[in-house]
C-alpha cells in the first residue's frame, strides 16, 4: 500500500499517482500494527501526523486493495 502526505494528513495513494514523496506499507495486519506502534508514519513524513488521519488512510487503502496479505 502506498501513502503520501497531503497537507497535514496521510492519504492512501490507491492509484499510485499522488504527488509528493510516497512511502509503502505491507497490507498485513501485523505490519500495520507494528508501523503504528513504532510511529513509522511520523518518521516517514518527518512530522507528527494525527492518529485519526493514519487510521482513515489505512482503512481506505485496505478497502481498495481488497485483502490484507503481503505480496
Protein backbone atom coordinates (compact mmCIF):
# COMPACT_ATOMS: atom_id res chain seq x y z
CA UNK A 1 0.00 0.00 0.00
CA UNK A 2 1.34 3.44 -0.88
CA UNK A 3 0.73 6.55 1.19
CA UNK A 4 1.59 10.21 0.71
CA UNK A 5 1.34 13.32 2.83
CA UNK A 6 -1.30 15.83 1.72
CA UNK A 7 -1.13 18.92 3.87
CA UNK A 8 -1.15 17.62 7.43
CA UNK A 9 -2.92 14.35 6.66
CA UNK A 10 -1.85 10.95 5.39
CA UNK A 11 -3.53 9.95 2.13
CA UNK A 12 -3.84 6.46 0.70
CA UNK A 13 -2.43 6.55 -2.82
CA UNK A 14 -4.65 3.84 -4.26
CA UNK A 15 -3.71 4.56 -7.87
CA UNK A 16 -0.03 5.38 -7.36
CA UNK A 17 -0.44 8.86 -8.82
CA UNK A 18 -0.43 11.19 -5.80
CA UNK A 19 2.21 13.88 -5.93
CA UNK A 20 5.00 14.06 -3.42
CA UNK A 21 7.20 11.55 -1.74
CA UNK A 22 5.41 8.32 -1.05
CA UNK A 23 6.05 5.54 1.38
CA UNK A 24 4.88 1.96 1.40
CA UNK A 25 3.43 -0.44 3.92
CA UNK A 26 2.66 -4.12 3.63
CA UNK A 27 -1.12 -4.71 3.88
CA UNK A 28 -0.66 -7.40 6.53
CA UNK A 29 -2.29 -6.69 9.92
CA UNK A 30 0.98 -7.40 11.79
CA UNK A 31 2.88 -4.94 9.57
CA UNK A 32 0.24 -2.26 10.09
CA UNK A 33 0.17 -2.70 13.88
CA UNK A 34 3.95 -2.60 14.05
CA UNK A 35 4.15 0.55 11.90
CA UNK A 36 1.59 2.34 14.07
CA UNK A 37 3.29 1.30 17.32
CA UNK A 38 6.74 2.34 16.05
CA UNK A 39 5.34 5.64 14.70
CA UNK A 40 6.66 4.80 11.25
CA UNK A 41 4.19 7.20 9.60
CA UNK A 42 5.58 10.10 11.62
CA UNK A 43 9.14 9.21 10.68
CA UNK A 44 8.31 8.76 7.00
CA UNK A 45 6.57 12.16 6.92
CA UNK A 46 9.17 13.81 9.14
CA UNK A 47 6.41 15.31 11.30
CA UNK A 48 3.71 14.30 13.75
CA UNK A 49 0.64 13.02 11.96
CA UNK A 50 -2.80 12.79 13.54
CA UNK A 51 -3.68 9.20 14.50
CA UNK A 52 -7.18 9.59 13.00
CA UNK A 53 -5.62 10.54 9.67
CA UNK A 54 -3.46 7.41 9.76
CA UNK A 55 -6.40 5.13 10.60
CA UNK A 56 -8.54 6.66 7.86
CA UNK A 57 -5.81 6.27 5.22
CA UNK A 58 -5.12 2.65 6.22
CA UNK A 59 -8.83 1.80 6.02
CA UNK A 60 -9.12 3.36 2.56
CA UNK A 61 -6.02 1.54 1.34
CA UNK A 62 -7.19 -1.83 2.68
CA UNK A 63 -10.70 -1.40 1.26
CA UNK A 64 -9.23 -0.58 -2.14
CA UNK A 65 -6.73 -3.46 -2.12
CA UNK A 66 -9.47 -5.94 -1.29
CA UNK A 67 -7.45 -8.04 1.09
CA UNK A 68 -4.63 -7.96 3.56
CA UNK A 69 -1.85 -10.34 2.62
CA UNK A 70 1.76 -9.45 1.86
CA UNK A 71 2.65 -9.79 -1.79
